Amino acid sequence: MHSPLIVQSDKTLLLEVDHPDYPEIRSFLGQFAELVKSPEHIHTYRISPISLWNAASAGMEADHLLAGLSQYSRYDLPQNLVYEISTAMSRYGLIQLFQEGGGYYLQTSEAYLFEELRSHKPLRPHLWDTADPSRLAIGNYSRGIVKQELIKLGYPVEDLAGYSEGEPLPMELRCQTLRGKPFALRPYQREAVDHFWAEGRPAGGAGVIVLPCGAGKTVVGLAVMARLKMQTLILSPNVVGLRQWREELLDKTTLEPEQIGEYSGEAKEIRPVTLTTYQMMTHRTDKRKNFLNVDLLTRQSWGLILYDEVHLLPAPVFRVTAEIQSRRRLGMTATLIREDGRESDVFALIGPKRYDIPWREIERSGYLAIATCHELRTRLATGQRLSYATASARSKIRIAAENPLKDDVVEALVRRHKSDRVLVIGQYLRQLKRVAGRIDAPLITGEMKNHDRQRLYHQFKTGAITTLVVSKVANFAVDLPEANVAIQISGAFGSRQEEAQRLGRILRPKASGSEATFYTVVTRETRDEEFSEKRQLFLTEQGYQYTIHDAESFLHELPSEHGASMPPHLQLILGGRS
């Protein structure tokens, strides 16, 4: 049988999906390449400098990578690509940053490189010659800026300068939670901590851990804190998220309530462990004024700064992070993809990817629920076809996303899953309000006060309510382990990171052992369909198979064990529209 992979000189890789070796090769490519297209039969990957540097920082060598490509490739590897891969991976660590005698230095075995650095205008104010031609001195506060500029030049620095220890904070992980349940790290969680810590060497202590939602990223953060035993600042996307951090800290560590503070719009507590949000870090009263709270990152002697959902890190926090490179930094995310394209800043300022594991591998171990993914395509409502045809490009997106016929599909799915815990997730408030009224379910949006959100989340967890309609506020840092069905009706322009978060809402393993089901409802032959194809790249990257259905046919063919039969008015609607 022919090999299923075609390696091309433009750094793209074409992988045949129907080949029996596809799963093995997909996992191999995922270590150093990005999926860019995933139609039915041939998937396209692209190799980039960042993807290669992340692979190099994780210990992959160019010879191993090229040997794997040669093994799987149908044709001989293009020589220019062999050269570019070898060159790019050799550049990681070609320049090292270290500390000596209270000063910071760049060091390389290729002294000629320093001529290029000296000629780079943004670097000039930060570099000084030394008596040793293989060394350049840099300013004590230039560590982050220099790393940012060098990665732009194609020289990712290996930062071996070490960290300030910060104030000590004795703490341990519990063997039994406060709720009386046995508690221990899972094998992959222990591996993630070990990779980040790196036995305390300067080569560790900063970087990103990539784990799926539901796989216990928070637990990994707690374990890193227990390993370091230092005062910690935790940044979360929202107040709900930081309060869940507080619950987990109290439930699974020996920290006392008075050691944990919240710095938010409702409280201004600075404690040995302080929880705050990205919004608080970027708050200001006027666009022309400075950010009011961003110095919270620098004014305390933190031993660790933990960035939850690091792919959401806003630009002002990047700027301050450049100034605090002497603090240990842990970023956590389900996907390294950023919608603003600043993956290189995450690499330079937070650190390289320290640990990643395929979602399906965790699923096979029983730590994630088995998930099936379906795309249900429905027609555009008759009365909107002319409006869509004559609308601007931006208006087309909104018309297709808010298609009223999606409401019919959602109602039918909710009825079919009446014995399940269902999340209906969307982007547009007008649409969400309409759907919530249609299915008689509570709606959670950013307009709702935090205590009201917490009350509804609690009712969902206890089963007092079984269906929630949620806006994008539920994309991040919301713990709803009981949810086993998600119905996505609109989203943020094909965002793969959003797809990761939304699928993750239903992946916690269920006590009953039941599987999870992820639906995306799409308006066919519109921009909605185009964005859905981009979002599906994430599912394919993680090894999930998704199936595309005609919505009306799918709903009529659902087996009876999904719940009650479809009511007459929906049978008429779904079966009779043209």
Protein backbone atom coordinates (compact mmCIF):
# COMPACT_ATOMS: atom_id res chain seq x y z
CA MET A 1 0.00 0.00 0.00
CA HIS A 2 1.29 3.47 -0.85
CA SER A 3 2.36 5.88 1.87
CA PRO A 4 -0.40 8.31 2.87
CA LEU A 5 1.68 11.47 3.37
CA ILE A 6 2.91 13.91 0.73
CA VAL A 7 5.57 16.35 1.95
CA GLN A 8 5.84 19.47 -0.19
CA SER A 9 8.58 22.07 -0.58
CA ASP A 10 6.29 24.93 0.50
CA LYS A 11 6.17 23.46 4.06
CA THR A 12 2.72 21.95 3.57
CA LEU A 13 1.94 18.30 4.27
CA LEU A 14 -0.96 16.42 2.68
CA LEU A 15 -2.30 13.46 4.67
CA GLU A 16 -4.73 10.89 3.28
CA VAL A 17 -7.49 10.38 5.85
CA ASP A 18 -8.74 6.97 4.68
CA HIS A 19 -5.35 5.26 5.06
CA PRO A 20 -5.07 2.79 7.98
CA ASP A 21 -1.97 4.62 9.28
CA TYR A 22 -3.80 7.96 9.46
CA PRO A 23 -4.28 8.04 13.28
CA GLU A 24 -0.60 7.27 13.92
CA ILE A 25 0.66 9.84 11.42
CA ARG A 26 -1.83 12.50 12.60
CA SER A 27 -0.45 12.16 16.14
CA PHE A 28 3.12 12.45 14.82
CA LEU A 29 2.40 15.57 12.77
CA GLY A 30 0.60 17.20 15.69
CA GLN A 31 3.92 17.50 17.52
CA PHE A 32 5.39 20.00 15.04
CA ALA A 33 2.83 21.07 12.42
CA GLU A 34 -0.47 22.98 12.34
CA LEU A 35 -3.59 21.66 10.64
CA VAL A 36 -4.92 24.24 8.16
CA LYS A 37 -7.54 22.33 6.11
CA SER A 38 -9.60 19.25 6.91
CA PRO A 39 -12.02 18.28 4.12
CA GLU A 40 -13.23 14.69 3.78
CA HIS A 41 -10.26 12.88 2.25
CA ILE A 42 -7.04 14.93 2.34
CA HIS A 43 -5.94 17.03 5.33
CA THR A 44 -3.39 19.82 4.93
CA TYR A 45 -0.80 20.68 7.59
CA ARG A 46 1.71 23.51 7.63
CA ILE A 47 5.11 23.65 9.30
CA SER A 48 6.03 27.03 10.82
CA PRO A 49 9.02 28.30 12.80
CA ILE A 50 6.93 28.50 16.00
CA SER A 51 5.66 24.94 15.59
CA LEU A 52 9.24 23.71 15.09
CA TRP A 53 10.59 25.72 18.05
CA ASN A 54 7.89 24.34 20.32
CA ALA A 55 8.85 20.84 19.18
CA ALA A 56 12.52 21.59 19.83
CA SER A 57 11.81 23.01 23.28
CA ALA A 58 9.88 19.82 24.11
CA GLY A 59 12.97 17.75 23.26
CA MET A 60 12.24 16.68 19.68
CA GLU A 61 15.36 16.62 17.52
CA ALA A 62 15.45 17.49 13.84
CA ASP A 63 16.88 14.05 12.91
CA HIS A 64 13.94 12.30 14.61
CA LEU A 65 11.43 14.59 12.91
CA LEU A 66 12.97 14.11 9.47
CA ALA A 67 13.24 10.35 9.94
CA GLY A 68 9.53 10.21 10.71
CA LEU A 69 8.65 12.31 7.68
CA SER A 70 10.82 10.05 5.49
CA GLN A 71 9.16 6.93 6.88
CA TYR A 72 5.63 8.14 6.18
CA SER A 73 6.19 10.18 3.00
CA ARG A 74 5.14 8.82 -0.37
CA TYR A 75 8.00 10.67 -2.11
CA ASP A 76 11.52 11.74 -1.21
CA LEU A 77 11.63 14.74 1.09
CA PRO A 78 12.28 18.07 -0.71
CA GLN A 79 15.85 19.07 0.06
CA ASN A 80 14.99 22.70 0.72
CA LEU A 81 12.50 21.58 3.38
CA VAL A 82 15.05 19.28 5.02
CA TYR A 83 17.42 22.24 5.21
CA GLU A 84 14.78 24.65 6.57
CA ILE A 85 13.59 22.23 9.27
CA SER A 86 17.15 21.49 10.38
CA THR A 87 18.05 25.19 10.39
CA ALA A 88 14.95 26.33 12.27
CA MET A 89 15.24 23.69 14.98
CA SER A 90 18.97 24.34 15.41
CA ARG A 91 18.18 27.99 16.09
CA TYR A 92 16.31 27.14 19.28
CA GLY A 93 18.93 27.58 21.99
CA LEU A 94 21.58 28.88 19.60
CA ILE A 95 21.46 32.00 21.77
CA GLN A 96 21.20 31.46 25.51
CA LEU A 97 20.37 33.99 28.19
CA PHE A 98 22.04 33.55 31.58
CA GLN A 99 22.76 35.47 34.78
CA GLU A 100 26.14 35.99 36.35
CA GLY A 101 27.23 38.32 39.12
CA GLY A 102 23.88 40.07 39.19
CA GLY A 103 23.97 40.87 35.47
CA TYR A 104 22.27 39.32 32.42
CA TYR A 105 24.11 38.13 29.32
CA LEU A 106 23.44 36.63 25.94
CA GLN A 107 25.82 33.87 24.91
CA THR A 108 26.34 31.96 21.66
CA SER A 109 28.92 29.74 20.05
CA GLU A 110 28.39 31.68 16.81
CA ALA A 111 29.83 35.10 17.64
CA TYR A 112 29.01 36.45 14.16
CA LEU A 113 25.36 36.50 15.23
CA PHE A 114 26.05 39.41 17.52
CA GLU A 115 26.86 41.59 14.51
CA GLU A 116 23.31 41.03 13.30
CA LEU A 117 21.90 41.81 16.75
CA ARG A 118 23.91 45.03 17.07
CA SER A 119 22.57 46.22 13.72
CA HIS A 120 18.94 45.62 14.74
CA LYS A 121 17.66 49.05 15.79
CA PRO A 122 15.10 47.94 18.46
CA LEU A 123 17.84 45.96 20.25
CA ARG A 124 20.56 48.65 20.34
CA PRO A 125 19.43 50.35 23.58
CA HIS A 126 19.48 46.98 25.39
CA LEU A 127 22.87 45.49 24.38
CA TRP A 128 26.44 46.16 25.54
CA ASP A 129 29.69 44.58 24.42
CA THR A 130 31.83 42.63 26.87
CA ALA A 131 35.46 41.51 26.87
CA ASP A 132 34.24 38.09 25.73
CA PRO A 133 33.22 38.16 22.02
CA SER A 134 30.79 35.27 22.63
CA ARG A 135 28.83 37.37 25.15
CA LEU A 136 26.69 40.48 25.12
CA ALA A 137 25.39 42.16 28.26
CA ILE A 138 21.77 43.24 28.46
CA GLY A 139 19.97 45.54 30.88
CA ASN A 140 18.44 44.03 33.99
CA TYR A 141 14.97 45.07 32.86
CA SER A 142 15.51 44.17 29.19
CA ARG A 143 15.16 40.40 29.49
CA GLY A 144 11.63 40.22 28.05
CA ILE A 145 12.08 42.86 25.36
CA VAL A 146 15.26 41.20 24.10
CA LYS A 147 13.52 37.81 23.92
CA GLN A 148 10.62 39.34 21.97
CA GLU A 149 12.90 41.01 19.46
CA LEU A 150 15.12 37.97 19.00
CA ILE A 151 12.18 35.71 18.20
CA LYS A 152 11.15 38.21 15.53
CA LEU A 153 14.63 37.83 14.04
CA GLY A 154 14.26 34.04 14.06
CA TYR A 155 16.44 33.32 17.10
CA PRO A 156 14.29 31.99 19.96
CA VAL A 157 16.32 32.38 23.14
CA GLU A 158 16.80 29.57 25.61
CA ASP A 159 16.36 31.43 28.87
CA LEU A 160 18.64 29.93 31.56
CA ALA A 161 18.85 33.04 33.74
CA GLY A 162 16.78 31.54 36.55
CA TYR A 163 14.17 33.17 38.77
CA SER A 164 13.74 35.11 41.98
CA GLU A 165 12.36 32.80 44.63
CA GLY A 166 9.55 35.05 45.85
CA GLU A 167 8.00 34.86 49.30
CA PRO A 168 7.65 31.30 50.66
CA LEU A 169 4.21 29.75 51.11
CA PRO A 170 4.12 26.31 52.80
CA MET A 171 1.34 24.20 51.27
CA GLU A 172 0.64 20.62 50.24
CA LEU A 173 -1.89 18.75 48.17
CA ARG A 174 -4.45 16.81 50.19
CA CYS A 175 -4.83 13.04 49.91
CA GLN A 176 -8.52 13.49 50.53
CA THR A 177 -10.60 16.50 49.48
CA LEU A 178 -12.64 18.51 51.96
CA ARG A 179 -15.65 16.78 50.43
CA GLY A 180 -14.27 13.43 51.56
CA LYS A 181 -13.19 12.07 48.18
CA PRO A 182 -9.79 10.43 47.58
CA PHE A 183 -7.50 12.76 45.65
CA ALA A 184 -4.31 12.07 43.71
CA LEU A 185 -2.72 13.37 40.54
CA ARG A 186 -3.42 11.46 37.34
CA PRO A 187 -0.34 10.20 35.49
CA TYR A 188 -0.46 12.86 32.77
CA GLN A 189 -0.98 15.61 35.38
CA ARG A 190 2.12 14.44 37.21
CA GLU A 191 4.04 14.41 33.92
CA ALA A 192 2.91 17.96 33.16
CA VAL A 193 4.16 19.21 36.53
CA ASP A 194 7.48 17.41 36.10
CA HIS A 195 7.99 18.87 32.61
CA PHE A 196 7.31 22.38 33.88
CA TRP A 197 9.46 22.06 37.00
CA ALA A 198 12.36 20.34 35.19
CA GLU A 199 13.91 19.32 38.54
CA GLY A 200 14.23 22.98 39.48
CA ARG A 201 16.75 23.72 36.72
CA PRO A 202 16.75 27.13 34.99
CA ALA A 203 15.58 25.33 31.83
CA GLY A 204 12.18 24.86 33.52
CA GLY A 205 9.98 27.17 35.53
CA ALA A 206 8.36 29.05 32.66
CA GLY A 207 6.15 27.83 29.85
CA VAL A 208 2.75 26.60 28.76
CA ILE A 209 0.90 23.39 29.56
CA VAL A 210 -1.71 22.36 26.99
CA LEU A 211 -4.51 20.13 28.27
CA PRO A 212 -8.14 19.78 27.23
CA CYS A 213 -10.97 21.31 29.19
CA GLY A 214 -12.15 18.73 31.70
CA ALA A 215 -8.70 17.12 32.00
CA GLY A 216 -7.84 18.98 35.21
CA LYS A 217 -5.69 21.95 34.19
CA THR A 218 -6.59 23.60 37.51
CA VAL A 219 -5.28 20.56 39.40
CA VAL A 220 -2.00 20.84 37.49
CA GLY A 221 -1.79 24.48 38.59
CA LEU A 222 -2.38 23.48 42.21
CA ALA A 223 0.31 20.80 41.94
CA VAL A 224 2.83 23.30 40.53
CA MET A 225 2.06 25.65 43.43
CA ALA A 226 2.54 22.79 45.91
CA ARG A 227 5.86 21.91 44.25
CA LEU A 228 7.14 25.53 44.38
CA LYS A 229 5.64 26.53 47.76
CA MET A 230 5.78 30.23 46.89
CA GLN A 231 3.27 33.08 46.93
CA THR A 232 1.27 33.02 43.72
CA LEU A 233 -0.77 35.41 41.58
CA ILE A 234 -3.46 33.68 39.49
CA LEU A 235 -5.05 35.46 36.53
CA SER A 236 -8.35 34.10 35.19
CA PRO A 237 -10.66 35.23 32.35
CA ASN A 238 -13.60 36.06 34.62
CA VAL A 239 -14.82 36.28 38.22
CA VAL A 240 -16.65 32.95 38.01
CA GLY A 241 -13.35 31.35 37.05
CA LEU A 242 -11.36 32.87 39.90
CA ARG A 243 -13.97 31.78 42.43
CA GLN A 244 -13.76 28.24 41.09
CA TRP A 245 -10.00 28.49 41.63
CA ARG A 246 -10.71 29.47 45.24
CA GLU A 247 -12.98 26.45 45.71
CA GLU A 248 -10.36 24.10 44.26
CA LEU A 249 -7.56 25.60 46.38
CA LEU A 250 -9.55 25.07 49.56
CA ASP A 251 -10.83 21.64 48.54
CA LYS A 252 -7.54 20.10 47.39
CA THR A 253 -4.71 21.93 49.19
CA THR A 254 -3.84 22.71 52.79
CA LEU A 255 -4.23 26.48 52.28
CA GLU A 256 -6.53 28.26 54.72
CA PRO A 257 -9.28 30.68 53.58
CA GLU A 258 -7.44 33.71 54.99
CA GLN A 259 -4.42 32.91 52.77
CA ILE A 260 -6.45 33.37 49.57
CA GLY A 261 -7.50 36.84 48.37
CA GLU A 262 -9.70 38.09 45.54
CA TYR A 263 -8.75 41.23 43.64
CA SER A 264 -11.81 42.11 41.58
CA GLY A 265 -14.50 44.76 41.19
CA GLU A 266 -16.08 43.42 44.37
CA ALA A 267 -12.99 42.95 46.58
CA LYS A 268 -9.43 44.29 46.80
CA GLU A 269 -7.58 41.66 48.84
CA ILE A 270 -3.86 41.00 48.47
CA ARG A 271 -3.01 37.67 50.12
CA PRO A 272 -0.27 35.02 49.70
CA VAL A 273 -2.42 33.58 46.90
CA THR A 274 -4.24 36.36 45.06
CA LEU A 275 -6.87 35.71 42.39
CA THR A 276 -7.68 38.35 39.78
CA THR A 277 -8.97 38.66 36.22
CA TYR A 278 -7.46 39.87 32.96
CA GLN A 279 -10.16 42.54 32.91
CA MET A 280 -8.92 43.93 36.24
CA MET A 281 -5.37 44.04 34.89
CA THR A 282 -6.45 46.14 31.89
CA HIS A 283 -8.98 48.37 33.68
CA ARG A 284 -8.66 52.13 33.23
CA THR A 285 -11.03 55.05 33.54
CA ASP A 286 -9.95 56.67 30.27
CA LYS A 287 -8.27 55.33 27.14
CA ARG A 288 -5.65 58.05 27.44
CA LYS A 289 -4.69 57.02 30.99
CA ASN A 290 -2.58 54.19 32.37
CA PHE A 291 -4.02 50.86 33.46
CA LEU A 292 -4.88 51.14 37.13
CA ASN A 293 -4.10 47.65 38.43
CA VAL A 294 -1.45 46.25 36.13
CA ASP A 295 1.32 46.95 38.66
CA LEU A 296 -0.24 44.18 40.78
CA LEU A 297 1.93 41.90 38.63
CA THR A 298 5.10 43.59 39.82
CA ARG A 299 4.60 45.12 43.24
CA GLN A 300 4.40 41.85 45.21
CA SER A 301 7.17 39.30 45.57
CA TRP A 302 5.36 36.54 43.69
CA GLY A 303 7.21 33.28 43.24
CA LEU A 304 4.78 32.20 40.52
CA ILE A 305 2.39 33.97 38.16
CA LEU A 306 -0.22 31.63 36.72
CA TYR A 307 -2.04 32.61 33.53
CA ASP A 308 -5.25 30.59 33.16
CA GLU A 309 -6.49 30.35 29.54
CA VAL A 310 -3.24 31.99 28.41
CA HIS A 311 -4.47 32.23 24.81
CA LEU A 312 -6.72 35.09 26.04
CA LEU A 313 -3.85 37.11 27.53
CA PRO A 314 -4.45 40.77 26.54
CA ALA A 315 -1.72 42.96 25.04
CA PRO A 316 -1.20 45.19 28.12
CA VAL A 317 -0.49 42.13 30.25
CA PHE A 318 2.04 40.97 27.64
CA ARG A 319 3.73 44.34 28.03
CA VAL A 320 4.09 44.00 31.80
CA THR A 321 5.00 40.32 31.52
CA ALA A 322 8.03 41.46 29.50
CA GLU A 323 9.18 43.29 32.65
CA ILE A 324 8.79 40.36 35.07
CA GLN A 325 10.88 37.66 33.44
CA SER A 326 12.53 36.92 36.79
CA ARG A 327 9.25 35.44 38.08
CA ARG A 328 8.25 31.87 37.30
CA ARG A 329 5.37 31.86 34.82
CA LEU A 330 2.89 29.10 34.05
CA GLY A 331 0.43 29.43 31.18
CA MET A 332 -2.41 26.95 30.84
CA THR A 333 -4.71 26.46 27.85
CA ALA A 334 -6.60 23.91 25.80
CA THR A 335 -5.11 25.28 22.57
CA LEU A 336 -2.09 27.46 21.80
CA ILE A 337 -3.91 29.07 18.86
CA ARG A 338 -4.56 32.79 19.39
CA GLU A 339 -7.01 34.69 17.23
CA ASP A 340 -4.64 37.71 17.19
CA GLY A 341 -1.68 35.67 15.93
CA ARG A 342 0.55 36.47 18.94
CA GLU A 343 1.71 32.90 19.55
CA SER A 344 5.32 34.13 19.29
CA ASP A 345 4.75 36.49 22.23
CA VAL A 346 3.40 33.62 24.32
CA PHE A 347 6.52 31.64 23.40
CA ALA A 348 8.91 34.50 24.21
CA LEU A 349 7.29 35.95 27.34
CA ILE A 350 5.41 33.11 29.05
CA GLY A 351 7.64 30.37 27.70
CA PRO A 352 7.60 27.49 25.22
CA LYS A 353 5.15 24.63 25.29
CA ARG A 354 6.26 22.37 28.13
CA TYR A 355 3.62 19.67 27.90
CA ASP A 356 0.90 18.57 25.50
CA ILE A 357 -1.10 15.37 25.14
CA PRO A 358 -3.69 14.40 22.51
CA TRP A 359 -7.25 14.63 23.77
CA ARG A 360 -8.14 11.19 22.49
CA GLU A 361 -5.24 9.66 24.45
CA ILE A 362 -6.73 11.01 27.68
CA GLU A 363 -10.16 9.81 26.56
CA ARG A 364 -8.81 6.28 26.03
CA SER A 365 -7.50 6.34 29.61
CA GLY A 366 -11.01 7.06 30.87
CA TYR A 367 -10.28 10.58 32.14
CA LEU A 368 -12.44 12.26 29.49
CA ALA A 369 -15.89 11.30 28.31
CA ILE A 370 -16.12 9.74 24.85
CA ALA A 371 -17.58 12.38 22.55
CA THR A 372 -19.39 12.24 19.23
CA CYS A 373 -19.54 15.39 17.10
CA HIS A 374 -22.28 16.26 14.61
CA GLU A 375 -22.80 19.20 12.28
CA LEU A 376 -26.46 19.71 11.44
CA ARG A 377 -27.07 21.85 8.36
CA THR A 378 -30.40 23.56 7.89
CA ARG A 379 -31.71 25.86 5.17
CA LEU A 380 -31.97 29.63 5.47
CA ALA A 381 -35.47 30.80 6.39
CA THR A 382 -37.46 31.65 3.27
CA GLY A 383 -38.09 35.24 4.31
CA GLN A 384 -34.36 35.91 4.76
CA ARG A 385 -32.99 34.62 1.47
CA LEU A 386 -33.32 37.94 -0.36
CA SER A 387 -31.94 39.87 2.61
CA TYR A 388 -28.92 37.56 2.73
CA ALA A 389 -28.29 37.81 -1.02
CA THR A 390 -28.20 41.62 -0.95
CA ALA A 391 -26.51 42.15 2.43
CA SER A 392 -22.97 43.38 3.11
CA ALA A 393 -20.32 40.80 3.94
CA ARG A 394 -20.59 41.51 7.68
CA SER A 395 -24.39 41.44 7.66
CA LYS A 396 -24.33 38.10 5.85
CA ILE A 397 -22.47 36.60 8.83
CA ARG A 398 -25.11 37.79 11.27
CA ILE A 399 -28.11 36.78 9.14
CA ALA A 400 -26.79 33.25 8.62
CA ALA A 401 -25.79 32.83 12.28
CA GLU A 402 -29.18 33.99 13.62
CA ASN A 403 -31.26 31.99 11.13
CA PRO A 404 -34.65 31.38 12.88
CA LEU A 405 -34.81 27.83 11.51
CA LYS A 406 -31.97 26.97 13.91
CA ASP A 407 -34.50 27.49 16.73
CA ASP A 408 -36.57 24.62 15.38
CA VAL A 409 -33.51 22.34 15.35
CA VAL A 410 -32.55 23.35 18.90
CA GLU A 411 -36.06 22.68 20.21
CA ALA A 412 -36.10 19.25 18.58
CA LEU A 413 -32.66 18.36 19.98
CA VAL A 414 -33.57 19.51 23.50
CA ARG A 415 -36.71 17.38 23.38
CA ARG A 416 -34.72 14.38 22.15
CA HIS A 417 -32.22 14.85 25.00
CA LYS A 418 -34.75 15.59 27.72
CA SER A 419 -33.05 13.17 30.16
CA ASP A 420 -29.59 14.72 29.59
CA ARG A 421 -27.86 17.89 30.85
CA VAL A 422 -27.87 20.24 27.88
CA LEU A 423 -25.96 23.46 27.17
CA VAL A 424 -27.13 25.64 24.27
CA ILE A 425 -24.22 27.94 23.41
CA GLY A 426 -24.18 30.97 21.12
CA GLN A 427 -22.70 34.34 20.27
CA TYR A 428 -25.60 36.75 19.70
CA LEU A 429 -27.80 37.90 22.57
CA ARG A 430 -30.90 38.48 20.44
CA GLN A 431 -30.72 34.93 19.17
CA LEU A 432 -30.02 33.49 22.62
CA LYS A 433 -32.96 35.31 24.18
CA ARG A 434 -35.22 34.02 21.42
CA VAL A 435 -34.02 30.43 21.84
CA ALA A 436 -34.23 30.56 25.65
CA GLY A 437 -37.86 31.65 25.38
CA ARG A 438 -38.58 28.96 22.81
CA ILE A 439 -37.28 26.09 24.97
CA ASP A 440 -38.21 27.69 28.32
CA ALA A 441 -34.65 27.56 29.71
CA PRO A 442 -32.65 30.07 31.80
CA LEU A 443 -30.23 32.33 29.90
CA ILE A 444 -26.77 33.30 31.23
CA THR A 445 -25.03 36.30 29.62
CA GLY A 446 -22.39 38.83 30.56
CA GLU A 447 -25.15 41.18 31.66
CA MET A 448 -26.10 38.85 34.53
CA LYS A 449 -24.66 39.48 37.99
CA ASN A 450 -22.10 36.96 39.19
CA HIS A 451 -24.19 35.68 42.11
CA ASP A 452 -27.12 34.99 39.75
CA ARG A 453 -24.81 33.08 37.38
CA GLN A 454 -23.46 31.05 40.29
CA ARG A 455 -27.00 30.21 41.41
CA LEU A 456 -27.97 28.91 37.96
CA TYR A 457 -24.72 26.95 37.59
CA HIS A 458 -25.41 25.35 40.99
CA GLN A 459 -28.98 24.44 39.98
CA PHE A 460 -27.64 22.87 36.78
CA LYS A 461 -25.05 20.85 38.72
CA THR A 462 -27.67 19.55 41.17
CA GLY A 463 -30.20 18.73 38.44
CA ALA A 464 -32.77 21.31 39.53
CA ILE A 465 -32.56 22.54 35.94
CA THR A 466 -31.33 20.35 33.07
CA THR A 467 -30.94 22.88 30.24
CA LEU A 468 -29.03 26.17 30.17
CA VAL A 469 -28.69 28.70 27.35
CA VAL A 470 -25.30 30.42 27.66
CA SER A 471 -23.44 33.16 25.84
CA LYS A 472 -19.67 33.30 25.31
CA VAL A 473 -19.22 34.01 29.06
CA ALA A 474 -19.42 30.23 29.50
CA ASN A 475 -16.60 29.57 27.02
CA PHE A 476 -13.92 29.87 29.70
CA ALA A 477 -13.31 28.92 33.32
CA VAL A 478 -16.75 27.45 33.97
CA ASP A 479 -16.93 24.04 35.65
CA LEU A 480 -20.09 22.13 34.70
CA PRO A 481 -19.02 18.48 34.87
CA GLU A 482 -22.59 17.17 34.62
CA ALA A 483 -23.14 18.61 31.11
CA ASN A 484 -23.13 15.88 28.49
CA VAL A 485 -24.78 17.57 25.49
CA ALA A 486 -23.74 20.87 23.88
CA ILE A 487 -25.68 22.54 21.06
CA GLN A 488 -23.68 25.30 19.39
CA ILE A 489 -25.81 27.74 17.38
CA SER A 490 -23.38 30.59 16.62
CA GLY A 491 -19.79 31.51 17.32
CA ALA A 492 -16.86 33.86 16.78
CA PHE A 493 -16.00 33.67 13.09
CA GLY A 494 -14.56 30.17 12.93
CA SER A 495 -12.52 30.36 16.14
CA ARG A 496 -10.70 27.10 16.85
CA GLN A 497 -9.94 28.16 20.42
CA GLU A 498 -13.65 28.69 21.00
CA GLU A 499 -14.38 25.23 19.59
CA ALA A 500 -11.89 23.77 22.05
CA GLN A 501 -13.54 25.49 24.99
CA ARG A 502 -17.09 24.61 23.99
CA LEU A 503 -16.36 20.95 23.37
CA GLY A 504 -14.50 20.92 26.67
CA ARG A 505 -17.65 21.91 28.53
CA ILE A 506 -19.02 18.37 28.10
CA LEU A 507 -15.89 16.21 28.36
CA ARG A 508 -15.78 15.56 32.09
CA PRO A 509 -16.26 11.78 32.59
CA LYS A 510 -19.77 10.95 33.80
CA ALA A 511 -20.51 8.76 36.80
CA SER A 512 -22.93 6.81 34.60
CA GLY A 513 -20.27 6.26 31.94
CA SER A 514 -22.47 7.96 29.33
CA GLU A 515 -20.96 9.53 26.24
CA ALA A 516 -20.99 13.23 25.37
CA THR A 517 -22.62 14.67 22.26
CA PHE A 518 -21.56 17.90 20.56
CA TYR A 519 -23.85 19.47 17.96
CA THR A 520 -23.15 22.47 15.76
CA VAL A 521 -26.19 23.88 13.94
CA VAL A 522 -25.18 25.58 10.68
CA THR A 523 -27.03 27.43 7.92
CA ARG A 524 -26.07 25.68 4.71
CA GLU A 525 -24.63 27.50 1.67
CA THR A 526 -23.79 30.64 3.70
CA ARG A 527 -20.83 32.17 5.54
CA ASP A 528 -21.97 30.09 8.50
CA GLU A 529 -20.86 26.96 6.67
CA GLU A 530 -17.50 28.53 5.83
CA PHE A 531 -16.78 29.41 9.46
CA SER A 532 -17.85 25.96 10.60
CA GLU A 533 -15.20 24.40 8.36
CA LYS A 534 -12.53 26.48 10.13
CA ARG A 535 -13.81 25.50 13.57
CA GLN A 536 -13.76 21.82 12.64
CA LEU A 537 -10.00 21.98 12.20
CA PHE A 538 -9.70 21.81 15.95
CA LEU A 539 -11.81 18.63 16.19
CA THR A 540 -9.69 17.00 13.51
CA GLU A 541 -6.43 18.03 15.20
CA GLN A 542 -7.52 16.21 18.34
CA GLY A 543 -8.55 13.06 16.48
CA TYR A 544 -12.31 13.50 16.67
CA GLN A 545 -14.45 12.43 13.76
CA TYR A 546 -17.39 14.67 13.05
CA THR A 547 -20.29 13.82 10.78
CA ILE A 548 -22.27 16.25 8.65
CA HIS A 549 -26.02 15.76 8.36
CA ASP A 550 -29.05 17.34 6.84
CA ALA A 551 -30.71 18.61 10.04
CA GLU A 552 -34.24 17.56 9.12
CA SER A 553 -33.25 14.03 8.09
CA PHE A 554 -31.03 13.58 11.15
CA LEU A 555 -33.74 14.59 13.60
CA HIS A 556 -36.31 12.29 12.03
CA GLU A 557 -33.86 9.37 12.13
CA LEU A 558 -32.74 9.74 15.77
CA PRO A 559 -33.41 6.49 17.67
CA SER A 560 -36.18 6.48 20.25
CA GLU A 561 -33.84 6.08 23.22
CA HIS A 562 -32.92 9.76 22.87
CA GLY A 563 -36.25 10.63 24.41
CA ALA A 564 -39.75 11.58 23.40
CA SER A 565 -40.85 11.56 19.81
CA MET A 566 -40.92 14.85 17.96
CA PRO A 567 -44.10 16.86 18.58
CA PRO A 568 -46.46 17.38 15.61
CA HIS A 569 -45.63 21.07 15.12
CA LEU A 570 -41.91 20.28 14.73
CA GLN A 571 -42.61 17.37 12.42
CA LEU A 572 -44.53 19.79 10.23
CA ILE A 573 -41.85 22.51 10.44
CA LEU A 574 -38.83 20.29 9.82
CA GLY A 575 -40.47 18.08 7.28
CA GLY A 576 -42.52 20.54 5.32
CA ARG A 577 -40.37 23.61 4.61
CA SER A 578 -38.79 24.13 1.27
